[in-house]
Amino acid sequence: MTDQNGARLLRGLHVPGDPVVLPNVWDAASARVLAEAGYPAVATASAAVSATLGYGDGHGMPVDEAFAAIRRVAAAVDVPVTADVERGYGLPPALVAERLAEAGAVGCNLEDSDPATGRLVDLAEQVDFLAAVRAADPDLVVNARVDVFVRGAGNPDEEAFDDAVRRGRAYLEAGADCVYPITMPAGRLAAFVREVGGPVNHLHVPGSPTPAEAAALGVARVSFGPGLQRLLMARLGELVADLRAGRGPYAG
């Protein structure tokens, strides 16, 4: 089962208005950087982990490799680890919870869209899925992703917002600890926090509210997805281009 002390610590960091900031990692080395910098917890990003291992996001990683990556991250740090496991890689809910605990994670992200089709999962089906994960491990910290804005292309803004609120409330009632309306328009974030009535995870991307601004809107968690890994890879591209041009990689 999940380490209760680690789960309690992670859950307690989700404070509306004073959010836990989790720059997402992709391997043991990046996890150590965050832990050594004083971050109280570490979160993986599936897209960054997949890219690092040579797979596509959206259940592109073989399930054993996905959980092996989580295990390496958890073994590398002494702080709680929460893992992005997409929609569970096709595993039944109880096995998702079991394998997370075996890997040393005390929390997880779970999506409400089907990676194979890109379509939103029926609300009732996702509620049952989250409730089954919760029943399998009462201590696991569940961050329930709401994919209405990333998957529901074509929905009018107001309809999408109402659906996101409906899903967020239902997921909290099913046992989720936090809800994650990924790519929600910045102008709707404060209203979502008010309407959903529970801890909310904000994804910080270019142009979106900063962690400090999101805190003022009442969010309880700020994450970055694969953003930092992509920034570093872009910088690596610049460095190797300099090398190819005969320049050195070190400034000064």
Protein backbone atom coordinates (compact mmCIF):
# COMPACT_ATOMS: atom_id res chain seq x y z
CA MET A 1 0.00 0.00 0.00
CA THR A 2 0.97 3.64 -0.34
CA ASP A 3 3.36 5.07 2.23
CA GLN A 4 0.92 6.82 4.57
CA ASN A 5 3.37 9.41 5.87
CA GLY A 6 4.42 10.45 2.39
CA ALA A 7 0.82 10.60 1.20
CA ARG A 8 -0.19 12.66 4.22
CA LEU A 9 2.63 15.11 3.53
CA LEU A 10 1.77 15.43 -0.15
CA ARG A 11 -1.95 15.86 0.50
CA GLY A 12 -1.24 18.53 3.11
CA LEU A 13 0.74 20.59 0.60
CA HIS A 14 -2.40 21.21 -1.46
CA VAL A 15 -3.53 24.48 0.13
CA PRO A 16 -5.88 26.75 -1.84
CA GLY A 17 -4.22 30.14 -2.11
CA ASP A 18 -0.83 28.77 -1.05
CA PRO A 19 -0.22 26.13 -3.71
CA VAL A 20 2.46 23.49 -3.86
CA VAL A 21 4.63 24.26 -6.90
CA LEU A 22 5.79 21.13 -8.73
CA PRO A 23 8.17 21.64 -11.67
CA ASN A 24 7.66 18.26 -13.33
CA VAL A 25 10.58 15.86 -13.74
CA TRP A 26 11.37 13.07 -16.19
CA ASP A 27 14.13 10.97 -14.62
CA ALA A 28 16.15 10.38 -11.47
CA ALA A 29 18.64 13.15 -12.24
CA SER A 30 16.01 15.85 -12.71
CA ALA A 31 14.19 14.63 -9.58
CA ARG A 32 17.37 15.00 -7.54
CA VAL A 33 17.81 18.57 -8.78
CA LEU A 34 14.39 19.52 -7.43
CA ALA A 35 14.82 17.71 -4.13
CA GLU A 36 18.23 19.31 -3.59
CA ALA A 37 16.71 22.71 -4.36
CA GLY A 38 14.29 22.22 -1.47
CA TYR A 39 11.06 21.30 -3.21
CA PRO A 40 8.87 19.34 -0.77
CA ALA A 41 7.59 16.89 -3.38
CA VAL A 42 8.36 15.69 -6.91
CA ALA A 43 5.93 15.10 -9.77
CA THR A 44 6.61 13.32 -13.04
CA ALA A 45 5.18 14.37 -16.42
CA SER A 46 4.23 11.50 -18.71
CA ALA A 47 5.00 13.42 -21.91
CA ALA A 48 8.50 14.25 -20.65
CA VAL A 49 9.16 10.71 -19.41
CA SER A 50 7.90 9.23 -22.69
CA ALA A 51 10.09 11.53 -24.75
CA THR A 52 13.13 10.72 -22.64
CA LEU A 53 12.59 6.99 -23.19
CA GLY A 54 11.92 7.37 -26.91
CA TYR A 55 8.14 6.87 -26.92
CA GLY A 56 5.18 9.01 -27.81
CA ASP A 57 2.84 10.36 -25.16
CA GLY A 58 -0.68 8.96 -24.89
CA HIS A 59 0.02 5.46 -23.58
CA GLY A 60 3.00 5.18 -25.93
CA MET A 61 5.22 3.77 -23.18
CA PRO A 62 5.00 0.06 -22.39
CA VAL A 63 3.41 -0.23 -18.99
CA ASP A 64 6.44 -1.88 -17.37
CA GLU A 65 8.73 0.88 -18.59
CA ALA A 66 6.32 3.53 -17.32
CA PHE A 67 6.33 2.15 -13.79
CA ALA A 68 10.07 1.42 -13.88
CA ALA A 69 10.64 5.10 -14.61
CA ILE A 70 8.50 6.04 -11.61
CA ARG A 71 10.45 3.61 -9.45
CA ARG A 72 13.77 5.20 -10.43
CA VAL A 73 12.48 8.67 -9.60
CA ALA A 74 11.07 7.57 -6.23
CA ALA A 75 14.31 5.77 -5.32
CA ALA A 76 16.37 8.87 -6.12
CA VAL A 77 14.72 11.28 -3.66
CA ASP A 78 13.57 11.41 -0.06
CA VAL A 79 10.47 13.51 -0.74
CA PRO A 80 7.00 12.32 -1.78
CA VAL A 81 6.58 11.45 -5.46
CA THR A 82 3.40 11.80 -7.47
CA ALA A 83 3.35 10.19 -10.89
CA ASP A 84 1.54 11.05 -14.09
CA VAL A 85 0.17 7.72 -15.30
CA GLU A 86 -2.12 9.09 -18.01
CA ARG A 87 -5.23 6.87 -17.80
CA GLY A 88 -3.50 3.92 -16.21
CA TYR A 89 -1.97 2.34 -19.33
CA GLY A 90 -4.97 0.06 -19.72
CA LEU A 91 -4.64 -1.50 -16.27
CA PRO A 92 -7.69 -2.07 -14.07
CA PRO A 93 -8.02 0.51 -11.28
CA ALA A 94 -6.86 -1.76 -8.45
CA LEU A 95 -3.73 -2.69 -10.37
CA VAL A 96 -2.97 0.97 -11.12
CA ALA A 97 -3.01 1.65 -7.39
CA GLU A 98 -0.98 -1.47 -6.62
CA ARG A 99 1.73 -0.71 -9.15
CA LEU A 100 2.01 2.90 -8.02
CA ALA A 101 2.59 1.75 -4.45
CA GLU A 102 5.13 -0.84 -5.59
CA ALA A 103 6.99 1.87 -7.51
CA GLY A 104 7.13 4.12 -4.45
CA ALA A 105 4.72 6.84 -5.60
CA VAL A 106 2.23 8.27 -3.12
CA GLY A 107 0.14 10.19 -5.65
CA CYS A 108 -0.88 10.14 -9.30
CA ASN A 109 -2.49 12.04 -12.15
CA LEU A 110 -5.35 10.28 -13.94
CA GLU A 111 -6.89 11.62 -17.17
CA ASP A 112 -10.51 11.55 -18.27
CA SER A 113 -9.88 11.11 -21.99
CA ASP A 114 -9.00 8.01 -23.96
CA PRO A 115 -5.39 8.19 -25.22
CA ALA A 116 -6.25 5.90 -28.13
CA THR A 117 -9.07 8.02 -29.53
CA GLY A 118 -8.54 11.41 -27.93
CA ARG A 119 -12.18 11.45 -26.86
CA LEU A 120 -13.48 12.37 -23.43
CA VAL A 121 -14.50 9.39 -21.34
CA ASP A 122 -18.15 9.31 -20.30
CA LEU A 123 -18.52 11.08 -16.96
CA ALA A 124 -20.11 8.12 -15.18
CA GLU A 125 -17.40 5.79 -16.43
CA GLN A 126 -14.64 8.09 -15.18
CA VAL A 127 -16.33 8.52 -11.81
CA ASP A 128 -16.44 4.74 -11.42
CA PHE A 129 -12.78 4.49 -12.45
CA LEU A 130 -11.64 7.10 -9.91
CA ALA A 131 -13.81 5.61 -7.17
CA ALA A 132 -12.29 2.19 -7.82
CA VAL A 133 -8.75 3.58 -7.59
CA ARG A 134 -9.70 5.30 -4.34
CA ALA A 135 -11.25 2.13 -2.95
CA ALA A 136 -8.14 0.15 -3.83
CA ASP A 137 -5.87 2.57 -1.96
CA PRO A 138 -7.46 5.06 0.44
CA ASP A 139 -4.13 6.82 1.04
CA LEU A 140 -3.15 7.51 -2.58
CA VAL A 141 -3.27 11.23 -3.48
CA VAL A 142 -5.34 11.40 -6.67
CA ASN A 143 -5.11 14.39 -9.01
CA ALA A 144 -8.00 13.98 -11.46
CA ARG A 145 -7.34 15.62 -14.81
CA VAL A 146 -10.25 17.30 -16.58
CA ASP A 147 -9.59 17.20 -20.33
CA VAL A 148 -12.57 19.20 -21.54
CA PHE A 149 -10.45 22.07 -22.85
CA VAL A 150 -7.69 19.95 -24.39
CA ARG A 151 -10.00 17.31 -25.92
CA GLY A 152 -13.35 19.03 -26.34
CA ALA A 153 -12.55 21.02 -29.47
CA GLY A 154 -15.55 22.77 -30.92
CA ASN A 155 -17.50 23.14 -27.68
CA PRO A 156 -18.60 26.71 -26.97
CA ASP A 157 -16.61 28.20 -24.11
CA GLU A 158 -19.52 28.37 -21.69
CA GLU A 159 -20.57 24.78 -22.43
CA ALA A 160 -16.99 23.58 -21.95
CA PHE A 161 -16.67 25.48 -18.68
CA ASP A 162 -19.91 24.04 -17.31
CA ASP A 163 -18.81 20.53 -18.30
CA ALA A 164 -15.43 21.05 -16.63
CA VAL A 165 -17.10 22.17 -13.40
CA ARG A 166 -19.53 19.25 -13.52
CA ARG A 167 -16.68 16.81 -14.00
CA GLY A 168 -14.49 18.43 -11.35
CA ARG A 169 -17.21 18.25 -8.72
CA ALA A 170 -18.00 14.65 -9.60
CA TYR A 171 -14.35 13.62 -9.38
CA LEU A 172 -13.95 15.20 -5.96
CA GLU A 173 -17.09 13.39 -4.81
CA ALA A 174 -15.63 10.13 -6.16
CA GLY A 175 -12.58 10.56 -3.93
CA ALA A 176 -10.11 12.68 -5.90
CA ASP A 177 -7.99 15.02 -3.79
CA CYS A 178 -7.47 17.64 -6.48
CA VAL A 179 -8.82 18.37 -9.96
CA TYR A 180 -6.71 19.47 -12.91
CA PRO A 181 -8.51 21.40 -15.69
CA ILE A 182 -5.57 21.23 -18.08
CA THR A 183 -5.32 24.12 -20.61
CA MET A 184 -8.31 25.92 -19.11
CA PRO A 185 -8.37 29.51 -20.39
CA ALA A 186 -6.70 31.77 -17.84
CA GLY A 187 -9.73 34.00 -17.61
CA ARG A 188 -11.90 31.13 -16.33
CA LEU A 189 -9.54 29.79 -13.69
CA ALA A 190 -10.77 31.87 -10.74
CA ALA A 191 -14.40 31.03 -11.53
CA PHE A 192 -13.54 27.34 -11.82
CA VAL A 193 -11.84 27.40 -8.40
CA ARG A 194 -14.94 29.01 -6.88
CA GLU A 195 -17.42 26.72 -8.62
CA VAL A 196 -15.71 23.36 -8.18
CA GLY A 197 -15.35 23.71 -4.40
CA GLY A 198 -12.10 21.79 -3.90
CA PRO A 199 -8.34 21.88 -4.56
CA VAL A 200 -7.42 22.82 -8.14
CA ASN A 201 -4.20 22.17 -10.08
CA HIS A 202 -3.11 24.89 -12.53
CA LEU A 203 -0.83 24.12 -15.47
CA HIS A 204 1.64 26.97 -15.96
CA VAL A 205 2.51 27.45 -19.63
CA PRO A 206 3.77 30.53 -21.48
CA GLY A 207 1.19 33.29 -21.19
CA SER A 208 -0.76 31.66 -18.37
CA PRO A 209 -0.87 32.90 -14.77
CA THR A 210 2.45 32.57 -12.98
CA PRO A 211 2.58 30.53 -9.78
CA ALA A 212 2.17 33.71 -7.74
CA GLU A 213 -0.76 34.88 -9.85
CA ALA A 214 -2.37 31.45 -9.70
CA ALA A 215 -2.02 31.46 -5.91
CA ALA A 216 -3.98 34.71 -5.79
CA LEU A 217 -6.74 32.95 -7.77
CA GLY A 218 -7.01 30.25 -5.11
CA VAL A 219 -5.33 27.26 -6.75
CA ALA A 220 -3.80 24.55 -4.57
CA ARG A 221 -1.19 23.16 -6.95
CA VAL A 222 0.89 24.48 -9.85
CA SER A 223 2.58 22.16 -12.32
CA PHE A 224 4.44 22.56 -15.60
CA GLY A 225 3.88 19.34 -17.55
CA PRO A 226 6.72 18.67 -20.00
CA GLY A 227 7.53 22.39 -20.25
CA LEU A 228 10.86 22.41 -18.42
CA GLN A 229 12.15 19.32 -20.21
CA ARG A 230 11.27 20.89 -23.56
CA LEU A 231 13.02 24.13 -22.60
CA LEU A 232 16.16 22.23 -21.69
CA MET A 233 16.08 20.18 -24.87
CA ALA A 234 15.73 23.35 -26.90
CA ARG A 235 18.74 24.78 -25.10
CA LEU A 236 20.66 21.59 -25.83
CA GLY A 237 19.82 22.08 -29.51
CA GLU A 238 21.34 25.56 -29.35
CA LEU A 239 24.49 24.27 -27.65
CA VAL A 240 25.15 21.51 -30.15
CA ALA A 241 24.50 23.95 -33.00
CA ASP A 242 27.22 26.17 -31.51
CA LEU A 243 29.56 23.19 -31.33
CA ARG A 244 28.89 22.32 -34.96
CA ALA A 245 29.74 25.91 -35.87
CA GLY A 246 33.09 25.63 -34.08
CA ARG A 247 32.13 27.51 -30.93
CA GLY A 248 32.46 26.22 -27.39
CA PRO A 249 29.44 25.40 -25.18
CA TYR A 250 30.54 27.33 -22.11
CA ALA A 251 29.79 31.00 -21.57
CA GLY A 252 32.53 33.36 -20.43
